[in-house]
Amino acid sequence: MLEPGLNRHEWESEMAALEDQLAENPAESLPELDDLVARMLAEAGYDLGDPVAREGDEREVVAEFLAAREITRASEAGSDELGPGDVAAAINGYRAIFDHLVAERSGAAGMEDVAELE
């Protein structure tokens, strides 16, 4: 059985460690942020490789992730077409997904606590 509180704590700890790197070297930190959010999505049951998931309720989350990942990959490849605004957009996208997944996991943890009381 997964422990939502434990995952959430690990995610928050990892994100806190990344925040300093993001402030100092945003473009260079994108791959680590991408990795964290991709693992979070996988643990939360999102299937980034399944076209059906892209059409369902999770479409916005998956689309946001894929857009941020595209910027990350372009940055890693040394694209001259990316500017600071693109990097900021990717970071903001990853942060929005992070916040969504943490809130989702917090809600799941709260629901389990209620179920245990019944």
C-alpha atoms as a PDB file:
ATOM      1  CA  MET A   1       0.000   0.000   0.000  1.00  0.00           C
ATOM      2  CA  LEU A   2       1.301   3.428  -0.905  1.00  0.00           C
ATOM      3  CA  GLU A   3       1.745   5.966   1.837  1.00  0.00           C
ATOM      4  CA  PRO A   4       0.597   9.295   0.396  1.00  0.00           C
ATOM      5  CA  GLY A   5       2.069  11.317   3.263  1.00  0.00           C
ATOM      6  CA  LEU A   6       5.483   9.725   2.837  1.00  0.00           C
ATOM      7  CA  ASN A   7       5.567  10.398  -0.915  1.00  0.00           C
ATOM      8  CA  ARG A   8       4.407  13.955  -0.394  1.00  0.00           C
ATOM      9  CA  HIS A   9       7.147  14.550   2.181  1.00  0.00           C
ATOM     10  CA  GLU A  10       9.811  13.142  -0.146  1.00  0.00           C
ATOM     11  CA  TRP A  11       8.523  15.262  -3.043  1.00  0.00           C
ATOM     12  CA  GLU A  12       8.474  18.418  -0.933  1.00  0.00           C
ATOM     13  CA  SER A  13      11.998  17.733   0.340  1.00  0.00           C
ATOM     14  CA  GLU A  14      13.285  17.219  -3.198  1.00  0.00           C
ATOM     15  CA  MET A  15      11.569  20.370  -4.438  1.00  0.00           C
ATOM     16  CA  ALA A  16      12.970  22.411  -1.554  1.00  0.00           C
ATOM     17  CA  ALA A  17      16.476  21.219  -2.482  1.00  0.00           C
ATOM     18  CA  LEU A  18      15.850  22.195  -6.118  1.00  0.00           C
ATOM     19  CA  GLU A  19      14.590  25.704  -5.319  1.00  0.00           C
ATOM     20  CA  ASP A  20      18.095  27.097  -4.672  1.00  0.00           C
ATOM     21  CA  GLN A  21      19.361  25.568  -7.896  1.00  0.00           C
ATOM     22  CA  LEU A  22      16.398  27.001  -9.793  1.00  0.00           C
ATOM     23  CA  ALA A  23      17.167  30.472  -8.454  1.00  0.00           C
ATOM     24  CA  GLU A  24      20.868  30.267  -9.343  1.00  0.00           C
ATOM     25  CA  ASN A  25      20.808  28.300 -12.626  1.00  0.00           C
ATOM     26  CA  PRO A  26      17.236  27.915 -13.879  1.00  0.00           C
ATOM     27  CA  ALA A  27      17.975  26.398 -17.298  1.00  0.00           C
ATOM     28  CA  GLU A  28      20.545  23.965 -15.904  1.00  0.00           C
ATOM     29  CA  SER A  29      18.094  22.815 -13.214  1.00  0.00           C
ATOM     30  CA  LEU A  30      15.274  21.991 -15.639  1.00  0.00           C
ATOM     31  CA  PRO A  31      16.286  18.316 -16.160  1.00  0.00           C
ATOM     32  CA  GLU A  32      16.209  17.611 -12.424  1.00  0.00           C
ATOM     33  CA  LEU A  33      12.852  19.344 -12.071  1.00  0.00           C
ATOM     34  CA  ASP A  34      11.539  17.391 -15.057  1.00  0.00           C
ATOM     35  CA  ASP A  35      12.712  14.145 -13.461  1.00  0.00           C
ATOM     36  CA  LEU A  36      11.014  14.934 -10.144  1.00  0.00           C
ATOM     37  CA  VAL A  37       7.690  15.867 -11.745  1.00  0.00           C
ATOM     38  CA  ALA A  38       7.796  12.867 -14.117  1.00  0.00           C
ATOM     39  CA  ARG A  39       8.294  10.527 -11.140  1.00  0.00           C
ATOM     40  CA  MET A  40       5.472  12.243  -9.274  1.00  0.00           C
ATOM     41  CA  LEU A  41       3.141  11.836 -12.247  1.00  0.00           C
ATOM     42  CA  ALA A  42       4.055   8.156 -12.568  1.00  0.00           C
ATOM     43  CA  GLU A  43       3.504   7.556  -8.842  1.00  0.00           C
ATOM     44  CA  ALA A  44       0.157   9.349  -9.081  1.00  0.00           C
ATOM     45  CA  GLY A  45      -0.904   7.059 -11.932  1.00  0.00           C
ATOM     46  CA  TYR A  46      -0.570   9.421 -14.889  1.00  0.00           C
ATOM     47  CA  ASP A  47       0.476   7.652 -18.079  1.00  0.00           C
ATOM     48  CA  LEU A  48       2.391  10.111 -20.219  1.00  0.00           C
ATOM     49  CA  GLY A  49       2.804   7.588 -23.020  1.00  0.00           C
ATOM     50  CA  ASP A  50      -0.892   6.745 -23.339  1.00  0.00           C
ATOM     51  CA  PRO A  51      -2.748   8.910 -25.879  1.00  0.00           C
ATOM     52  CA  VAL A  52      -6.048   8.145 -24.131  1.00  0.00           C
ATOM     53  CA  ALA A  53      -4.811   9.791 -20.928  1.00  0.00           C
ATOM     54  CA  ARG A  54      -4.076  12.901 -22.941  1.00  0.00           C
ATOM     55  CA  GLU A  55      -7.739  13.101 -23.930  1.00  0.00           C
ATOM     56  CA  GLY A  56      -9.271  12.378 -20.522  1.00  0.00           C
ATOM     57  CA  ASP A  57      -9.608  14.365 -17.320  1.00  0.00           C
ATOM     58  CA  GLU A  58      -5.832  14.457 -16.968  1.00  0.00           C
ATOM     59  CA  ARG A  59      -5.373  16.185 -20.318  1.00  0.00           C
ATOM     60  CA  GLU A  60      -4.445  19.578 -18.868  1.00  0.00           C
ATOM     61  CA  VAL A  61      -1.876  18.145 -16.456  1.00  0.00           C
ATOM     62  CA  VAL A  62      -0.304  15.979 -19.152  1.00  0.00           C
ATOM     63  CA  ALA A  63      -0.325  18.842 -21.679  1.00  0.00           C
ATOM     64  CA  GLU A  64       1.335  21.185 -19.185  1.00  0.00           C
ATOM     65  CA  PHE A  65       4.003  18.591 -18.435  1.00  0.00           C
ATOM     66  CA  LEU A  66       4.700  17.859 -22.093  1.00  0.00           C
ATOM     67  CA  ALA A  67       5.009  21.582 -22.871  1.00  0.00           C
ATOM     68  CA  ALA A  68       7.493  22.055 -20.024  1.00  0.00           C
ATOM     69  CA  ARG A  69       9.382  18.928 -21.074  1.00  0.00           C
ATOM     70  CA  GLU A  70       9.662  20.241 -24.647  1.00  0.00           C
ATOM     71  CA  ILE A  71      11.336  23.410 -23.339  1.00  0.00           C
ATOM     72  CA  THR A  72      13.596  21.325 -21.096  1.00  0.00           C
ATOM     73  CA  ARG A  73      14.700  19.132 -24.004  1.00  0.00           C
ATOM     74  CA  ALA A  74      15.339  22.183 -26.192  1.00  0.00           C
ATOM     75  CA  SER A  75      17.383  23.757 -23.408  1.00  0.00           C
ATOM     76  CA  GLU A  76      19.428  20.568 -22.980  1.00  0.00           C
ATOM     77  CA  ALA A  77      20.084  20.544 -26.729  1.00  0.00           C
ATOM     78  CA  GLY A  78      21.414  24.098 -26.515  1.00  0.00           C
ATOM     79  CA  SER A  79      18.662  25.702 -28.591  1.00  0.00           C
ATOM     80  CA  ASP A  80      19.348  29.339 -29.387  1.00  0.00           C
ATOM     81  CA  GLU A  81      15.619  29.967 -29.791  1.00  0.00           C
ATOM     82  CA  LEU A  82      14.873  29.735 -26.064  1.00  0.00           C
ATOM     83  CA  GLY A  83      14.854  32.819 -23.921  1.00  0.00           C
ATOM     84  CA  PRO A  84      14.556  33.396 -20.185  1.00  0.00           C
ATOM     85  CA  GLY A  85      10.772  33.608 -20.581  1.00  0.00           C
ATOM     86  CA  ASP A  86      10.642  30.097 -22.025  1.00  0.00           C
ATOM     87  CA  VAL A  87      12.679  28.708 -19.133  1.00  0.00           C
ATOM     88  CA  ALA A  88      10.437  30.562 -16.670  1.00  0.00           C
ATOM     89  CA  ALA A  89       7.343  29.143 -18.389  1.00  0.00           C
ATOM     90  CA  ALA A  90       8.700  25.602 -18.031  1.00  0.00           C
ATOM     91  CA  ILE A  91       9.545  26.149 -14.354  1.00  0.00           C
ATOM     92  CA  ASN A  92       6.104  27.629 -13.697  1.00  0.00           C
ATOM     93  CA  GLY A  93       4.479  24.694 -15.494  1.00  0.00           C
ATOM     94  CA  TYR A  94       6.425  22.163 -13.454  1.00  0.00           C
ATOM     95  CA  ARG A  95       5.609  24.049 -10.244  1.00  0.00           C
ATOM     96  CA  ALA A  96       1.891  24.111 -11.106  1.00  0.00           C
ATOM     97  CA  ILE A  97       1.931  20.342 -11.659  1.00  0.00           C
ATOM     98  CA  PHE A  98       3.936  19.840  -8.473  1.00  0.00           C
ATOM     99  CA  ASP A  99       1.411  21.882  -6.461  1.00  0.00           C
ATOM    100  CA  HIS A 100      -1.498  20.013  -8.060  1.00  0.00           C
ATOM    101  CA  LEU A 101      -0.006  16.606  -7.275  1.00  0.00           C
ATOM    102  CA  VAL A 102       0.920  17.552  -3.708  1.00  0.00           C
ATOM    103  CA  ALA A 103      -2.617  18.846  -3.126  1.00  0.00           C
ATOM    104  CA  GLU A 104      -4.045  15.711  -4.739  1.00  0.00           C
ATOM    105  CA  ARG A 105      -1.850  13.511  -2.547  1.00  0.00           C
ATOM    106  CA  SER A 106      -2.771  15.546   0.543  1.00  0.00           C
ATOM    107  CA  GLY A 107      -6.440  14.998  -0.247  1.00  0.00           C
ATOM    108  CA  ALA A 108      -5.852  11.261  -0.655  1.00  0.00           C
ATOM    109  CA  ALA A 109      -4.051  11.142   2.680  1.00  0.00           C
ATOM    110  CA  GLY A 110      -6.903  13.012   4.330  1.00  0.00           C
ATOM    111  CA  MET A 111      -9.474  10.638   2.844  1.00  0.00           C
ATOM    112  CA  GLU A 112      -7.528   7.614   4.141  1.00  0.00           C
ATOM    113  CA  ASP A 113      -7.454   9.147   7.610  1.00  0.00           C
ATOM    114  CA  VAL A 114     -11.237   9.598   7.475  1.00  0.00           C
ATOM    115  CA  ALA A 115     -11.709   6.011   6.237  1.00  0.00           C
ATOM    116  CA  GLU A 116      -9.591   4.679   9.102  1.00  0.00           C
ATOM    117  CA  LEU A 117     -11.780   6.495  11.614  1.00  0.00           C
ATOM    118  CA  GLU A 118     -14.963   4.919  10.297  1.00  0.00           C
END
